[in-house]
Amino acid sequence: MAFFSNKKSDTDIHKLNIPKHIGIIMDGNGRWAKKRHLPRSSGHTQGAKVFRKIARYCSDIGVEYLTVYAFSTENWKRPDEEVNSLMRLFKEYLNEALRDFKDDSIVVRFIGDKAPFSKELQELMIKNEEESKSRDGMVLNIAMNYGSRDELVRAVKNISQNVKDGSMDIDKIDEATVSNFLYTANQPDPDLIIRPSGEYRISNFLLWQSAYSEFVIMNTLWPDFTTDDLDEAIRIFNNRNRRFGGV
């Protein structure tokens, strides 16, 4: 991992090897608001604006898959006022996405358990997925009510049921089998995972998929994150020697 003070990179992004799949833990909204003596909801609103800008930028520079951590299975433990504010923000974003992203090539997918969300939010998620599925550009995975341990438990249960039903041979279960039962089935594992806000933890995000991902920890709160920050993370990624366990 790398921790550094953010600075504008002089490297032309188009001369770099662009990661096929980037994961971003969008962290620091609450601290951003607190520093400005604003309600935490203001941080989430600003963070949502940054998310839209970064998603489009990733698409423009050739990222094929982008997975963003929007709301974890643990976030339900936050104060009711903050959770309710987030739900209103999600509704606003999903309606905006239907309107504003209609001319984009981005394919929108939601990973995580949709069941706890309101019927209205579930329908908006499904509508966004349906209206974007025929597009041919970057796949945008938005992790909503997502937790990687929960994802793995779900995969184990489904694999076990298939074995019990006789549709799967237990001796043929391998790493590819597990991958195919995750929310990210048929997608490449992330090459690069970026965590703004300076925290050194993965926070239950893509545990299986990130086994060989490169991590970059950035000393910037998510609402302050810019395209220059993303370029710098990609530059650092390009300077890594990825051996995947070899020499």
C-alpha atoms as a PDB file:
ATOM      1  CA  MET A   1       0.000   0.000   0.000  1.00  0.00           C
ATOM      2  CA  ALA A   2       1.067   3.592  -0.464  1.00  0.00           C
ATOM      3  CA  PHE A   3       0.193   6.580   1.658  1.00  0.00           C
ATOM      4  CA  PHE A   4       1.074   9.951   0.257  1.00  0.00           C
ATOM      5  CA  SER A   5       0.095  13.591   0.076  1.00  0.00           C
ATOM      6  CA  ASN A   6      -1.866  14.099  -3.112  1.00  0.00           C
ATOM      7  CA  LYS A   7      -0.274  16.173  -5.806  1.00  0.00           C
ATOM      8  CA  LYS A   8      -1.049  16.763  -9.448  1.00  0.00           C
ATOM      9  CA  SER A   9       0.775  14.291 -11.648  1.00  0.00           C
ATOM     10  CA  ASP A  10       2.673  15.513 -14.691  1.00  0.00           C
ATOM     11  CA  THR A  11       2.163  12.132 -16.357  1.00  0.00           C
ATOM     12  CA  ASP A  12      -0.164  12.051 -19.366  1.00  0.00           C
ATOM     13  CA  ILE A  13      -2.849   9.548 -18.356  1.00  0.00           C
ATOM     14  CA  HIS A  14      -3.147   8.326 -21.940  1.00  0.00           C
ATOM     15  CA  LYS A  15       0.480   7.138 -21.861  1.00  0.00           C
ATOM     16  CA  LEU A  16      -0.192   4.865 -18.878  1.00  0.00           C
ATOM     17  CA  ASN A  17      -1.507   1.331 -18.658  1.00  0.00           C
ATOM     18  CA  ILE A  18      -5.134   1.838 -17.612  1.00  0.00           C
ATOM     19  CA  PRO A  19      -6.346  -0.798 -15.129  1.00  0.00           C
ATOM     20  CA  LYS A  20      -9.123  -2.897 -16.594  1.00  0.00           C
ATOM     21  CA  HIS A  21     -11.022  -2.959 -13.282  1.00  0.00           C
ATOM     22  CA  ILE A  22     -10.796  -0.318 -10.545  1.00  0.00           C
ATOM     23  CA  GLY A  23     -12.469  -0.517  -7.137  1.00  0.00           C
ATOM     24  CA  ILE A  24     -12.992   2.588  -5.011  1.00  0.00           C
ATOM     25  CA  ILE A  25     -13.933   2.734  -1.327  1.00  0.00           C
ATOM     26  CA  MET A  26     -15.661   6.123  -1.260  1.00  0.00           C
ATOM     27  CA  ASP A  27     -14.689   7.124   2.267  1.00  0.00           C
ATOM     28  CA  GLY A  28     -14.576  10.382   4.189  1.00  0.00           C
ATOM     29  CA  ASN A  29     -17.920  12.082   3.511  1.00  0.00           C
ATOM     30  CA  GLY A  30     -18.746  12.513   7.201  1.00  0.00           C
ATOM     31  CA  ARG A  31     -15.307  13.859   8.129  1.00  0.00           C
ATOM     32  CA  TRP A  32     -15.422  16.276   5.183  1.00  0.00           C
ATOM     33  CA  ALA A  33     -18.701  17.701   6.494  1.00  0.00           C
ATOM     34  CA  LYS A  34     -17.486  17.824  10.104  1.00  0.00           C
ATOM     35  CA  LYS A  35     -14.407  19.835   9.115  1.00  0.00           C
ATOM     36  CA  ARG A  36     -16.752  22.421   7.602  1.00  0.00           C
ATOM     37  CA  HIS A  37     -19.250  22.353  10.493  1.00  0.00           C
ATOM     38  CA  LEU A  38     -21.896  20.963   8.165  1.00  0.00           C
ATOM     39  CA  PRO A  39     -24.348  18.079   8.677  1.00  0.00           C
ATOM     40  CA  ARG A  40     -23.037  14.693   7.552  1.00  0.00           C
ATOM     41  CA  SER A  41     -25.697  14.674   4.819  1.00  0.00           C
ATOM     42  CA  SER A  42     -23.847  17.559   3.134  1.00  0.00           C
ATOM     43  CA  GLY A  43     -20.769  15.359   2.872  1.00  0.00           C
ATOM     44  CA  HIS A  44     -22.786  12.569   1.269  1.00  0.00           C
ATOM     45  CA  THR A  45     -24.330  15.019  -1.215  1.00  0.00           C
ATOM     46  CA  GLN A  46     -20.906  16.326  -2.225  1.00  0.00           C
ATOM     47  CA  GLY A  47     -19.569  12.773  -2.379  1.00  0.00           C
ATOM     48  CA  ALA A  48     -22.347  11.817  -4.800  1.00  0.00           C
ATOM     49  CA  LYS A  49     -21.351  14.674  -7.116  1.00  0.00           C
ATOM     50  CA  VAL A  50     -17.738  13.490  -7.071  1.00  0.00           C
ATOM     51  CA  PHE A  51     -18.863   9.920  -7.776  1.00  0.00           C
ATOM     52  CA  ARG A  52     -20.702  10.980 -10.939  1.00  0.00           C
ATOM     53  CA  LYS A  53     -17.675  12.930 -12.182  1.00  0.00           C
ATOM     54  CA  ILE A  54     -15.195  10.129 -11.446  1.00  0.00           C
ATOM     55  CA  ALA A  55     -17.442   7.453 -12.999  1.00  0.00           C
ATOM     56  CA  ARG A  56     -17.658   9.385 -16.260  1.00  0.00           C
ATOM     57  CA  TYR A  57     -13.925  10.079 -16.229  1.00  0.00           C
ATOM     58  CA  CYS A  58     -13.119   6.389 -15.744  1.00  0.00           C
ATOM     59  CA  SER A  59     -15.342   5.588 -18.695  1.00  0.00           C
ATOM     60  CA  ASP A  60     -13.651   8.258 -20.821  1.00  0.00           C
ATOM     61  CA  ILE A  61     -10.088   7.023 -20.160  1.00  0.00           C
ATOM     62  CA  GLY A  62     -10.865   3.384 -20.924  1.00  0.00           C
ATOM     63  CA  VAL A  63     -11.551   1.690 -17.590  1.00  0.00           C
ATOM     64  CA  GLU A  64     -13.714  -1.338 -18.414  1.00  0.00           C
ATOM     65  CA  TYR A  65     -15.099  -2.054 -14.931  1.00  0.00           C
ATOM     66  CA  LEU A  66     -15.520   0.305 -11.994  1.00  0.00           C
ATOM     67  CA  THR A  67     -16.807  -0.919  -8.625  1.00  0.00           C
ATOM     68  CA  VAL A  68     -17.672   1.701  -6.012  1.00  0.00           C
ATOM     69  CA  TYR A  69     -18.545   1.059  -2.379  1.00  0.00           C
ATOM     70  CA  ALA A  70     -21.659   3.173  -1.775  1.00  0.00           C
ATOM     71  CA  PHE A  71     -23.400   1.564   1.225  1.00  0.00           C
ATOM     72  CA  SER A  72     -22.202  -1.393   3.250  1.00  0.00           C
ATOM     73  CA  THR A  73     -24.152  -3.995   5.192  1.00  0.00           C
ATOM     74  CA  GLU A  74     -22.757  -2.337   8.340  1.00  0.00           C
ATOM     75  CA  ASN A  75     -23.922   1.170   7.409  1.00  0.00           C
ATOM     76  CA  TRP A  76     -27.430   0.377   8.666  1.00  0.00           C
ATOM     77  CA  LYS A  77     -25.958   0.807  12.166  1.00  0.00           C
ATOM     78  CA  ARG A  78     -25.520   4.536  11.625  1.00  0.00           C
ATOM     79  CA  PRO A  79     -28.006   7.004  13.179  1.00  0.00           C
ATOM     80  CA  ASP A  80     -31.492   6.843  11.666  1.00  0.00           C
ATOM     81  CA  GLU A  81     -31.253  10.454  10.516  1.00  0.00           C
ATOM     82  CA  GLU A  82     -28.118   9.729   8.488  1.00  0.00           C
ATOM     83  CA  VAL A  83     -29.480   6.490   7.009  1.00  0.00           C
ATOM     84  CA  ASN A  84     -32.721   8.224   6.011  1.00  0.00           C
ATOM     85  CA  SER A  85     -30.734  11.037   4.422  1.00  0.00           C
ATOM     86  CA  LEU A  86     -28.713   8.500   2.446  1.00  0.00           C
ATOM     87  CA  MET A  87     -31.874   6.768   1.243  1.00  0.00           C
ATOM     88  CA  ARG A  88     -33.235  10.104  -0.012  1.00  0.00           C
ATOM     89  CA  LEU A  89     -29.930  10.773  -1.741  1.00  0.00           C
ATOM     90  CA  PHE A  90     -29.941   7.332  -3.375  1.00  0.00           C
ATOM     91  CA  LYS A  91     -33.471   7.969  -4.667  1.00  0.00           C
ATOM     92  CA  GLU A  92     -32.415  11.334  -6.077  1.00  0.00           C
ATOM     93  CA  TYR A  93     -29.321   9.825  -7.696  1.00  0.00           C
ATOM     94  CA  LEU A  94     -31.218   6.914  -9.249  1.00  0.00           C
ATOM     95  CA  ASN A  95     -33.784   9.242 -10.782  1.00  0.00           C
ATOM     96  CA  GLU A  96     -31.004  11.491 -12.072  1.00  0.00           C
ATOM     97  CA  ALA A  97     -29.174   8.491 -13.518  1.00  0.00           C
ATOM     98  CA  LEU A  98     -32.224   7.513 -15.540  1.00  0.00           C
ATOM     99  CA  ARG A  99     -32.341  11.024 -16.968  1.00  0.00           C
ATOM    100  CA  ASP A 100     -28.694  12.093 -17.176  1.00  0.00           C
ATOM    101  CA  PHE A 101     -26.942   8.821 -18.028  1.00  0.00           C
ATOM    102  CA  LYS A 102     -29.289   7.855 -20.844  1.00  0.00           C
ATOM    103  CA  ASP A 103     -26.816   9.090 -23.468  1.00  0.00           C
ATOM    104  CA  ASP A 104     -23.788   7.508 -21.778  1.00  0.00           C
ATOM    105  CA  SER A 105     -22.390   4.128 -22.739  1.00  0.00           C
ATOM    106  CA  ILE A 106     -22.107   3.079 -19.075  1.00  0.00           C
ATOM    107  CA  VAL A 107     -23.730  -0.191 -18.001  1.00  0.00           C
ATOM    108  CA  VAL A 108     -25.092   0.157 -14.455  1.00  0.00           C
ATOM    109  CA  ARG A 109     -25.227  -2.808 -12.068  1.00  0.00           C
ATOM    110  CA  PHE A 110     -26.023  -2.964  -8.374  1.00  0.00           C
ATOM    111  CA  ILE A 111     -24.195  -5.538  -6.298  1.00  0.00           C
ATOM    112  CA  GLY A 112     -25.369  -6.484  -2.834  1.00  0.00           C
ATOM    113  CA  ASP A 113     -28.654  -7.515  -1.256  1.00  0.00           C
ATOM    114  CA  LYS A 114     -31.436  -5.236  -2.530  1.00  0.00           C
ATOM    115  CA  ALA A 115     -34.102  -6.758  -0.255  1.00  0.00           C
ATOM    116  CA  PRO A 116     -33.739  -4.379   2.743  1.00  0.00           C
ATOM    117  CA  PHE A 117     -34.274  -1.286   0.579  1.00  0.00           C
ATOM    118  CA  SER A 118     -37.708   0.212   0.007  1.00  0.00           C
ATOM    119  CA  LYS A 119     -39.761  -1.120  -2.879  1.00  0.00           C
ATOM    120  CA  GLU A 120     -39.340   2.234  -4.626  1.00  0.00           C
ATOM    121  CA  LEU A 121     -35.539   2.085  -4.424  1.00  0.00           C
ATOM    122  CA  GLN A 122     -35.493  -1.553  -5.548  1.00  0.00           C
ATOM    123  CA  GLU A 123     -37.614  -0.673  -8.583  1.00  0.00           C
ATOM    124  CA  LEU A 124     -35.332   2.247  -9.441  1.00  0.00           C
ATOM    125  CA  MET A 125     -32.262  -0.012  -9.237  1.00  0.00           C
ATOM    126  CA  ILE A 126     -33.878  -2.571 -11.506  1.00  0.00           C
ATOM    127  CA  LYS A 127     -34.978   0.122 -13.967  1.00  0.00           C
ATOM    128  CA  ASN A 128     -31.448   1.559 -14.141  1.00  0.00           C
ATOM    129  CA  GLU A 129     -30.041  -1.911 -14.786  1.00  0.00           C
ATOM    130  CA  GLU A 130     -32.643  -2.703 -17.438  1.00  0.00           C
ATOM    131  CA  GLU A 131     -32.254   0.592 -19.300  1.00  0.00           C
ATOM    132  CA  SER A 132     -28.464   0.353 -19.398  1.00  0.00           C
ATOM    133  CA  LYS A 133     -27.909  -3.343 -20.051  1.00  0.00           C
ATOM    134  CA  SER A 134     -27.706  -3.002 -23.845  1.00  0.00           C
ATOM    135  CA  ARG A 135     -24.971  -0.372 -23.681  1.00  0.00           C
ATOM    136  CA  ASP A 136     -21.458  -1.329 -24.732  1.00  0.00           C
ATOM    137  CA  GLY A 137     -19.267   0.778 -22.472  1.00  0.00           C
ATOM    138  CA  MET A 138     -17.820   0.557 -18.977  1.00  0.00           C
ATOM    139  CA  VAL A 139     -19.593  -1.616 -16.425  1.00  0.00           C
ATOM    140  CA  LEU A 140     -20.304   0.381 -13.271  1.00  0.00           C
ATOM    141  CA  ASN A 141     -20.904  -1.791 -10.202  1.00  0.00           C
ATOM    142  CA  ILE A 142     -22.514   0.180  -7.380  1.00  0.00           C
ATOM    143  CA  ALA A 143     -22.174  -1.764  -4.133  1.00  0.00           C
ATOM    144  CA  MET A 144     -25.384  -1.142  -2.158  1.00  0.00           C
ATOM    145  CA  ASN A 145     -26.045  -3.029   1.070  1.00  0.00           C
ATOM    146  CA  TYR A 146     -22.895  -4.900   0.162  1.00  0.00           C
ATOM    147  CA  GLY A 147     -20.512  -6.752   2.448  1.00  0.00           C
ATOM    148  CA  SER A 148     -17.943  -9.187   1.140  1.00  0.00           C
ATOM    149  CA  ARG A 149     -18.390 -11.661   4.009  1.00  0.00           C
ATOM    150  CA  ASP A 150     -22.130 -11.638   3.348  1.00  0.00           C
ATOM    151  CA  GLU A 151     -21.392 -12.180  -0.354  1.00  0.00           C
ATOM    152  CA  LEU A 152     -19.183 -15.185   0.433  1.00  0.00           C
ATOM    153  CA  VAL A 153     -21.760 -16.705   2.798  1.00  0.00           C
ATOM    154  CA  ARG A 154     -24.369 -16.314   0.060  1.00  0.00           C
ATOM    155  CA  ALA A 155     -22.044 -18.027  -2.438  1.00  0.00           C
ATOM    156  CA  VAL A 156     -21.341 -20.919  -0.044  1.00  0.00           C
ATOM    157  CA  LYS A 157     -25.057 -21.447   0.560  1.00  0.00           C
ATOM    158  CA  ASN A 158     -25.863 -21.468  -3.161  1.00  0.00           C
ATOM    159  CA  ILE A 159     -22.999 -23.838  -3.967  1.00  0.00           C
ATOM    160  CA  SER A 160     -24.074 -26.126  -1.121  1.00  0.00           C
ATOM    161  CA  GLN A 161     -27.641 -26.169  -2.414  1.00  0.00           C
ATOM    162  CA  ASN A 162     -26.421 -27.161  -5.878  1.00  0.00           C
ATOM    163  CA  VAL A 163     -24.376 -29.992  -4.379  1.00  0.00           C
ATOM    164  CA  LYS A 164     -27.375 -31.100  -2.308  1.00  0.00           C
ATOM    165  CA  ASP A 165     -29.595 -31.055  -5.412  1.00  0.00           C
ATOM    166  CA  GLY A 166     -27.074 -33.140  -7.312  1.00  0.00           C
ATOM    167  CA  SER A 167     -26.477 -30.488  -9.971  1.00  0.00           C
ATOM    168  CA  MET A 168     -22.871 -29.939  -8.874  1.00  0.00           C
ATOM    169  CA  ASP A 169     -20.071 -32.385  -8.077  1.00  0.00           C
ATOM    170  CA  ILE A 170     -18.314 -31.367  -4.866  1.00  0.00           C
ATOM    171  CA  ASP A 171     -14.982 -32.648  -6.207  1.00  0.00           C
ATOM    172  CA  LYS A 172     -15.194 -30.214  -9.116  1.00  0.00           C
ATOM    173  CA  ILE A 173     -15.594 -27.109  -6.971  1.00  0.00           C
ATOM    174  CA  ASP A 174     -12.603 -24.816  -7.476  1.00  0.00           C
ATOM    175  CA  GLU A 175     -11.735 -21.113  -7.307  1.00  0.00           C
ATOM    176  CA  ALA A 176     -13.547 -20.440 -10.571  1.00  0.00           C
ATOM    177  CA  THR A 177     -16.691 -22.014  -9.112  1.00  0.00           C
ATOM    178  CA  VAL A 178     -16.652 -19.656  -6.150  1.00  0.00           C
ATOM    179  CA  SER A 179     -16.006 -16.641  -8.384  1.00  0.00           C
ATOM    180  CA  ASN A 180     -18.992 -17.575 -10.523  1.00  0.00           C
ATOM    181  CA  PHE A 181     -21.288 -17.427  -7.487  1.00  0.00           C
ATOM    182  CA  LEU A 182     -20.226 -13.916  -6.464  1.00  0.00           C
ATOM    183  CA  TYR A 183     -22.003 -10.700  -7.463  1.00  0.00           C
ATOM    184  CA  THR A 184     -19.106  -9.976  -9.826  1.00  0.00           C
ATOM    185  CA  ALA A 185     -19.413 -13.263 -11.727  1.00  0.00           C
ATOM    186  CA  ASN A 186     -17.936 -13.122 -15.241  1.00  0.00           C
ATOM    187  CA  GLN A 187     -15.992  -9.956 -14.446  1.00  0.00           C
ATOM    188  CA  PRO A 188     -12.224  -9.708 -14.025  1.00  0.00           C
ATOM    189  CA  ASP A 189     -10.899  -9.165 -10.505  1.00  0.00           C
ATOM    190  CA  PRO A 190      -9.961  -5.542  -9.728  1.00  0.00           C
ATOM    191  CA  ASP A 191      -6.439  -4.589 -10.734  1.00  0.00           C
ATOM    192  CA  LEU A 192      -6.424  -1.509  -8.514  1.00  0.00           C
ATOM    193  CA  ILE A 193      -8.339  -0.584  -5.363  1.00  0.00           C
ATOM    194  CA  ILE A 194      -8.242   3.033  -4.210  1.00  0.00           C
ATOM    195  CA  ARG A 195      -9.148   4.160  -0.707  1.00  0.00           C
ATOM    196  CA  PRO A 196      -9.375   7.908  -0.151  1.00  0.00           C
ATOM    197  CA  SER A 197      -9.395   9.327   3.402  1.00  0.00           C
ATOM    198  CA  GLY A 198      -6.137   7.735   4.546  1.00  0.00           C
ATOM    199  CA  GLU A 199      -7.645   4.727   6.323  1.00  0.00           C
ATOM    200  CA  TYR A 200      -5.584   1.517   6.148  1.00  0.00           C
ATOM    201  CA  ARG A 201      -8.305  -1.117   5.978  1.00  0.00           C
ATOM    202  CA  ILE A 202     -10.383  -2.885   3.352  1.00  0.00           C
ATOM    203  CA  SER A 203     -13.689  -2.574   5.256  1.00  0.00           C
ATOM    204  CA  ASN A 204     -15.272  -5.799   3.984  1.00  0.00           C
ATOM    205  CA  PHE A 205     -14.928  -4.791   0.319  1.00  0.00           C
ATOM    206  CA  LEU A 206     -14.263  -7.400  -2.409  1.00  0.00           C
ATOM    207  CA  LEU A 207     -12.306  -9.710  -0.092  1.00  0.00           C
ATOM    208  CA  TRP A 208     -12.168 -12.623  -2.539  1.00  0.00           C
ATOM    209  CA  GLN A 209     -11.791 -10.524  -5.664  1.00  0.00           C
ATOM    210  CA  SER A 210      -8.956  -8.362  -4.304  1.00  0.00           C
ATOM    211  CA  ALA A 211      -6.552 -11.220  -3.525  1.00  0.00           C
ATOM    212  CA  TYR A 212      -4.003  -9.800  -5.992  1.00  0.00           C
ATOM    213  CA  SER A 213      -5.246  -6.237  -6.376  1.00  0.00           C
ATOM    214  CA  GLU A 214      -2.861  -3.331  -5.971  1.00  0.00           C
ATOM    215  CA  PHE A 215      -3.954  -0.964  -3.171  1.00  0.00           C
ATOM    216  CA  VAL A 216      -3.400   2.782  -3.102  1.00  0.00           C
ATOM    217  CA  ILE A 217      -4.326   4.695   0.058  1.00  0.00           C
ATOM    218  CA  MET A 218      -4.815   8.408  -0.581  1.00  0.00           C
ATOM    219  CA  ASN A 219      -4.699  11.257   1.911  1.00  0.00           C
ATOM    220  CA  THR A 220      -7.845  12.903   0.536  1.00  0.00           C
ATOM    221  CA  LEU A 221     -11.436  12.745   1.722  1.00  0.00           C
ATOM    222  CA  TRP A 222     -13.779  11.464  -0.969  1.00  0.00           C
ATOM    223  CA  PRO A 223     -15.695  14.758  -1.489  1.00  0.00           C
ATOM    224  CA  ASP A 224     -12.330  16.405  -2.334  1.00  0.00           C
ATOM    225  CA  PHE A 225     -11.254  13.602  -4.699  1.00  0.00           C
ATOM    226  CA  THR A 226     -10.449  14.769  -8.225  1.00  0.00           C
ATOM    227  CA  THR A 227      -9.549  13.318 -11.600  1.00  0.00           C
ATOM    228  CA  ASP A 228      -5.949  14.340 -10.831  1.00  0.00           C
ATOM    229  CA  ASP A 229      -6.085  12.081  -7.766  1.00  0.00           C
ATOM    230  CA  LEU A 230      -7.290   9.205  -9.921  1.00  0.00           C
ATOM    231  CA  ASP A 231      -4.506   9.860 -12.430  1.00  0.00           C
ATOM    232  CA  GLU A 232      -1.975   9.784  -9.586  1.00  0.00           C
ATOM    233  CA  ALA A 233      -3.337   6.455  -8.300  1.00  0.00           C
ATOM    234  CA  ILE A 234      -3.056   4.995 -11.803  1.00  0.00           C
ATOM    235  CA  ARG A 235       0.512   6.319 -12.084  1.00  0.00           C
ATOM    236  CA  ILE A 236       1.395   4.548  -8.822  1.00  0.00           C
ATOM    237  CA  PHE A 237      -0.274   1.387 -10.127  1.00  0.00           C
ATOM    238  CA  ASN A 238       1.914   1.584 -13.238  1.00  0.00           C
ATOM    239  CA  ASN A 239       5.028   1.675 -11.056  1.00  0.00           C
ATOM    240  CA  ARG A 240       4.110  -1.533  -9.232  1.00  0.00           C
ATOM    241  CA  ASN A 241       5.623  -4.890 -10.201  1.00  0.00           C
ATOM    242  CA  ARG A 242       2.710  -7.324 -10.206  1.00  0.00           C
ATOM    243  CA  ARG A 243       4.087 -10.852  -9.715  1.00  0.00           C
ATOM    244  CA  PHE A 244       0.899 -12.655  -8.623  1.00  0.00           C
ATOM    245  CA  GLY A 245       2.902 -14.832  -6.217  1.00  0.00           C
ATOM    246  CA  GLY A 246       5.719 -15.513  -8.681  1.00  0.00           C
ATOM    247  CA  VAL A 247       9.224 -14.117  -8.876  1.00  0.00           C
END
